[in-house]
N, C-alpha and C. Protein backbone atom coordinates (compact mmCIF):
# COMPACT_ATOMS: atom_id res chain seq x y z
N MET A 1 6.09 4.12 -11.20
CA MET A 1 5.39 4.74 -10.07
C MET A 1 6.22 5.95 -9.61
N ASP A 2 5.60 7.10 -9.55
CA ASP A 2 6.32 8.28 -9.10
C ASP A 2 6.36 8.34 -7.58
N LEU A 3 7.10 9.30 -7.07
CA LEU A 3 7.33 9.40 -5.63
C LEU A 3 6.05 9.61 -4.83
N ILE A 4 5.17 10.45 -5.31
CA ILE A 4 3.94 10.72 -4.55
C ILE A 4 3.06 9.48 -4.43
N ASN A 5 3.01 8.67 -5.48
CA ASN A 5 2.25 7.42 -5.40
C ASN A 5 2.88 6.46 -4.41
N ALA A 6 4.21 6.40 -4.41
CA ALA A 6 4.91 5.54 -3.46
C ALA A 6 4.64 5.98 -2.03
N ILE A 7 4.64 7.31 -1.82
CA ILE A 7 4.38 7.84 -0.48
C ILE A 7 2.97 7.49 -0.03
N GLN A 8 2.02 7.57 -0.94
CA GLN A 8 0.64 7.29 -0.59
C GLN A 8 0.37 5.79 -0.44
N GLN A 9 1.09 4.95 -1.15
CA GLN A 9 0.88 3.51 -1.13
C GLN A 9 1.47 2.84 0.11
N TRP A 10 2.67 3.26 0.50
CA TRP A 10 3.36 2.62 1.61
C TRP A 10 3.17 3.41 2.89
N PRO A 11 2.90 2.74 3.99
CA PRO A 11 2.75 3.44 5.28
C PRO A 11 4.13 3.71 5.89
N LEU A 12 4.89 4.62 5.27
CA LEU A 12 6.27 4.86 5.70
C LEU A 12 6.41 5.30 7.15
N PRO A 13 5.55 6.18 7.68
CA PRO A 13 5.68 6.52 9.11
C PRO A 13 5.46 5.30 10.02
N ALA A 14 4.55 4.43 9.66
CA ALA A 14 4.32 3.22 10.46
C ALA A 14 5.53 2.30 10.40
N ILE A 15 6.12 2.16 9.23
CA ILE A 15 7.31 1.32 9.09
C ILE A 15 8.46 1.92 9.89
N ALA A 16 8.61 3.26 9.84
CA ALA A 16 9.66 3.92 10.62
C ALA A 16 9.45 3.72 12.11
N ALA A 17 8.20 3.77 12.57
CA ALA A 17 7.91 3.56 13.98
C ALA A 17 8.26 2.14 14.42
N ILE A 18 7.95 1.17 13.60
CA ILE A 18 8.27 -0.22 13.93
C ILE A 18 9.78 -0.43 13.98
N ILE A 19 10.48 0.11 13.00
CA ILE A 19 11.95 -0.01 12.98
C ILE A 19 12.55 0.68 14.20
N ALA A 20 12.09 1.90 14.51
CA ALA A 20 12.61 2.62 15.67
C ALA A 20 12.35 1.85 16.96
N GLY A 21 11.16 1.28 17.08
CA GLY A 21 10.84 0.49 18.27
C GLY A 21 11.73 -0.73 18.40
N LEU A 22 11.97 -1.41 17.30
CA LEU A 22 12.86 -2.58 17.34
C LEU A 22 14.29 -2.19 17.71
N VAL A 23 14.76 -1.09 17.16
CA VAL A 23 16.12 -0.64 17.48
C VAL A 23 16.23 -0.31 18.96
N VAL A 24 15.24 0.38 19.50
CA VAL A 24 15.26 0.73 20.92
C VAL A 24 15.23 -0.53 21.79
N LEU A 25 14.45 -1.51 21.42
CA LEU A 25 14.38 -2.75 22.20
C LEU A 25 15.67 -3.56 22.11
N LEU A 26 16.29 -3.57 20.94
CA LEU A 26 17.50 -4.36 20.74
C LEU A 26 18.76 -3.66 21.24
N VAL A 27 18.80 -2.33 21.14
CA VAL A 27 19.98 -1.56 21.55
C VAL A 27 19.50 -0.34 22.35
N PRO A 28 19.10 -0.53 23.61
CA PRO A 28 18.50 0.57 24.38
C PRO A 28 19.41 1.79 24.57
N ARG A 29 20.71 1.61 24.51
CA ARG A 29 21.60 2.74 24.74
C ARG A 29 21.55 3.79 23.62
N VAL A 30 20.92 3.48 22.50
CA VAL A 30 20.79 4.45 21.41
C VAL A 30 19.39 5.07 21.37
N LEU A 31 18.70 5.04 22.51
CA LEU A 31 17.34 5.56 22.58
C LEU A 31 17.26 7.01 22.10
N ASN A 32 18.14 7.87 22.60
CA ASN A 32 18.08 9.29 22.23
C ASN A 32 18.22 9.47 20.72
N TYR A 33 19.19 8.80 20.14
CA TYR A 33 19.43 8.97 18.71
C TYR A 33 18.32 8.35 17.87
N THR A 34 17.76 7.26 18.35
CA THR A 34 16.66 6.62 17.63
C THR A 34 15.41 7.51 17.65
N VAL A 35 15.10 8.06 18.80
CA VAL A 35 13.95 8.95 18.90
C VAL A 35 14.17 10.20 18.05
N ALA A 36 15.38 10.76 18.11
CA ALA A 36 15.69 11.94 17.29
C ALA A 36 15.54 11.63 15.81
N ALA A 37 16.09 10.50 15.38
CA ALA A 37 16.00 10.12 13.97
C ALA A 37 14.55 9.91 13.55
N TYR A 38 13.78 9.26 14.40
CA TYR A 38 12.37 9.01 14.09
C TYR A 38 11.61 10.33 13.96
N LEU A 39 11.79 11.24 14.90
CA LEU A 39 11.08 12.52 14.85
C LEU A 39 11.49 13.34 13.64
N ILE A 40 12.77 13.33 13.32
CA ILE A 40 13.23 14.06 12.14
C ILE A 40 12.63 13.44 10.88
N PHE A 41 12.58 12.12 10.82
CA PHE A 41 11.98 11.45 9.66
C PHE A 41 10.51 11.83 9.51
N ILE A 42 9.77 11.79 10.62
CA ILE A 42 8.35 12.12 10.57
C ILE A 42 8.15 13.57 10.14
N GLY A 43 8.98 14.46 10.67
CA GLY A 43 8.89 15.86 10.27
C GLY A 43 9.23 16.07 8.81
N ALA A 44 10.32 15.45 8.36
CA ALA A 44 10.72 15.58 6.96
C ALA A 44 9.69 14.95 6.03
N PHE A 45 9.13 13.84 6.44
CA PHE A 45 8.09 13.18 5.65
C PHE A 45 6.88 14.10 5.49
N GLY A 46 6.51 14.78 6.56
CA GLY A 46 5.40 15.72 6.50
C GLY A 46 5.71 16.90 5.59
N LEU A 47 6.95 17.38 5.62
CA LEU A 47 7.35 18.48 4.75
C LEU A 47 7.38 18.05 3.28
N LEU A 48 7.66 16.79 3.04
CA LEU A 48 7.70 16.28 1.67
C LEU A 48 6.34 16.40 0.99
N HIS A 49 5.29 16.25 1.77
CA HIS A 49 3.95 16.40 1.21
C HIS A 49 3.71 17.82 0.68
N TYR A 50 4.38 18.79 1.29
CA TYR A 50 4.22 20.18 0.86
C TYR A 50 4.64 20.37 -0.60
N PHE A 51 5.68 19.67 -1.00
CA PHE A 51 6.18 19.81 -2.37
C PHE A 51 5.24 19.20 -3.40
N TYR A 52 4.25 18.47 -2.94
CA TYR A 52 3.27 17.88 -3.84
C TYR A 52 1.88 18.50 -3.66
N GLY A 53 1.86 19.72 -3.10
CA GLY A 53 0.62 20.47 -3.05
C GLY A 53 -0.22 20.28 -1.80
N THR A 54 0.21 19.47 -0.89
CA THR A 54 -0.54 19.26 0.35
C THR A 54 -0.01 20.23 1.41
N PRO A 55 -0.88 20.83 2.22
CA PRO A 55 -0.38 21.75 3.24
C PRO A 55 0.46 21.04 4.30
N VAL A 56 1.41 21.76 4.85
CA VAL A 56 2.27 21.22 5.91
C VAL A 56 1.48 21.17 7.20
N SER A 57 1.55 20.05 7.88
CA SER A 57 0.83 19.93 9.16
C SER A 57 1.70 20.47 10.28
N ALA A 58 1.06 21.01 11.29
CA ALA A 58 1.77 21.51 12.46
C ALA A 58 2.51 20.37 13.16
N GLN A 59 1.93 19.18 13.13
CA GLN A 59 2.56 18.02 13.77
C GLN A 59 3.91 17.72 13.12
N SER A 60 4.02 17.88 11.81
CA SER A 60 5.29 17.65 11.13
C SER A 60 6.35 18.64 11.58
N LEU A 61 5.96 19.90 11.70
CA LEU A 61 6.90 20.92 12.14
C LEU A 61 7.34 20.70 13.59
N ILE A 62 6.39 20.30 14.43
CA ILE A 62 6.72 20.02 15.83
C ILE A 62 7.65 18.82 15.93
N ALA A 63 7.38 17.77 15.15
CA ALA A 63 8.22 16.58 15.18
C ALA A 63 9.64 16.90 14.70
N LEU A 64 9.76 17.66 13.64
CA LEU A 64 11.07 18.02 13.11
C LEU A 64 11.85 18.84 14.13
N THR A 65 11.20 19.80 14.74
CA THR A 65 11.85 20.63 15.76
C THR A 65 12.27 19.79 16.96
N ALA A 66 11.39 18.93 17.42
CA ALA A 66 11.70 18.07 18.57
C ALA A 66 12.86 17.14 18.25
N GLY A 67 12.88 16.58 17.06
CA GLY A 67 13.97 15.68 16.67
C GLY A 67 15.31 16.36 16.65
N VAL A 68 15.34 17.58 16.12
CA VAL A 68 16.60 18.33 16.07
C VAL A 68 17.06 18.68 17.49
N ILE A 69 16.13 19.09 18.35
CA ILE A 69 16.50 19.42 19.74
C ILE A 69 17.08 18.20 20.44
N VAL A 70 16.44 17.03 20.29
CA VAL A 70 16.94 15.81 20.94
C VAL A 70 18.29 15.42 20.37
N LEU A 71 18.49 15.59 19.08
CA LEU A 71 19.77 15.24 18.46
C LEU A 71 20.88 16.14 18.96
N VAL A 72 20.60 17.43 19.12
CA VAL A 72 21.61 18.38 19.57
C VAL A 72 21.86 18.28 21.07
N LYS A 73 20.82 18.05 21.84
CA LYS A 73 20.92 18.00 23.30
C LYS A 73 20.18 16.78 23.83
N PRO A 74 20.81 15.60 23.74
CA PRO A 74 20.12 14.34 24.09
C PRO A 74 19.65 14.23 25.54
N ASP A 75 20.24 14.99 26.46
CA ASP A 75 19.85 14.86 27.86
C ASP A 75 18.49 15.47 28.16
N VAL A 76 17.86 16.15 27.21
CA VAL A 76 16.52 16.71 27.44
C VAL A 76 15.45 15.86 26.77
N LEU A 77 15.77 14.61 26.45
CA LEU A 77 14.85 13.73 25.74
C LEU A 77 13.49 13.65 26.40
N SER A 78 13.44 13.39 27.70
CA SER A 78 12.14 13.20 28.34
C SER A 78 11.30 14.48 28.30
N TYR A 79 11.92 15.63 28.45
CA TYR A 79 11.18 16.89 28.39
C TYR A 79 10.65 17.16 26.99
N VAL A 80 11.51 16.94 26.00
CA VAL A 80 11.10 17.19 24.62
C VAL A 80 9.98 16.25 24.20
N VAL A 81 10.11 14.98 24.55
CA VAL A 81 9.06 14.01 24.20
C VAL A 81 7.77 14.35 24.93
N GLY A 82 7.87 14.74 26.19
CA GLY A 82 6.67 15.13 26.94
C GLY A 82 5.95 16.31 26.30
N VAL A 83 6.69 17.36 25.96
CA VAL A 83 6.10 18.53 25.32
C VAL A 83 5.55 18.16 23.94
N TYR A 84 6.29 17.34 23.20
CA TYR A 84 5.84 16.89 21.88
C TYR A 84 4.50 16.17 21.98
N LEU A 85 4.40 15.24 22.90
CA LEU A 85 3.16 14.47 23.05
C LEU A 85 2.00 15.35 23.48
N ILE A 86 2.24 16.31 24.37
CA ILE A 86 1.18 17.23 24.79
C ILE A 86 0.71 18.06 23.60
N LEU A 87 1.65 18.64 22.85
CA LEU A 87 1.27 19.46 21.69
C LEU A 87 0.52 18.66 20.64
N VAL A 88 1.00 17.46 20.35
CA VAL A 88 0.33 16.63 19.35
C VAL A 88 -1.07 16.24 19.84
N GLY A 89 -1.19 15.92 21.11
CA GLY A 89 -2.51 15.61 21.66
C GLY A 89 -3.46 16.78 21.57
N LEU A 90 -2.98 17.97 21.89
CA LEU A 90 -3.81 19.16 21.79
C LEU A 90 -4.19 19.46 20.35
N LEU A 91 -3.27 19.24 19.41
CA LEU A 91 -3.57 19.42 17.99
C LEU A 91 -4.64 18.45 17.53
N GLN A 92 -4.47 17.18 17.90
CA GLN A 92 -5.42 16.16 17.46
C GLN A 92 -6.78 16.32 18.11
N ALA A 93 -6.82 16.89 19.31
CA ALA A 93 -8.09 17.13 20.01
C ALA A 93 -8.77 18.39 19.49
N GLY A 94 -8.05 19.18 18.71
CA GLY A 94 -8.62 20.40 18.17
C GLY A 94 -8.52 21.60 19.07
N VAL A 95 -7.80 21.45 20.19
CA VAL A 95 -7.64 22.56 21.12
C VAL A 95 -6.68 23.61 20.56
N LEU A 96 -5.61 23.14 19.92
CA LEU A 96 -4.65 24.03 19.25
C LEU A 96 -4.90 23.99 17.76
N ARG A 97 -4.77 25.14 17.14
CA ARG A 97 -4.89 25.22 15.67
C ARG A 97 -3.79 26.11 15.13
N PHE A 98 -3.18 25.67 14.05
CA PHE A 98 -2.13 26.47 13.41
C PHE A 98 -2.52 26.73 11.99
């Protein structure tokens, strides 16, 4: 099985979300790093699709950017997550288009 089939077969973002949620519940003091790691993973996962001919989604770029910002400056977590959620909501509602 090649990489693209594995990516399509396994719900890796869902698995990452469950793992991140469990880590936050079990060790709350690592919330910033867990959220940053999750966002970076989601962004990188979205970029990985580009190498297999699928267009890069704006949500992947936003997640990657948000993850890096939270990793570099953890004290802005709530602002970054708030802006991330607003942008993703606007993208999914079709109000924003990239």
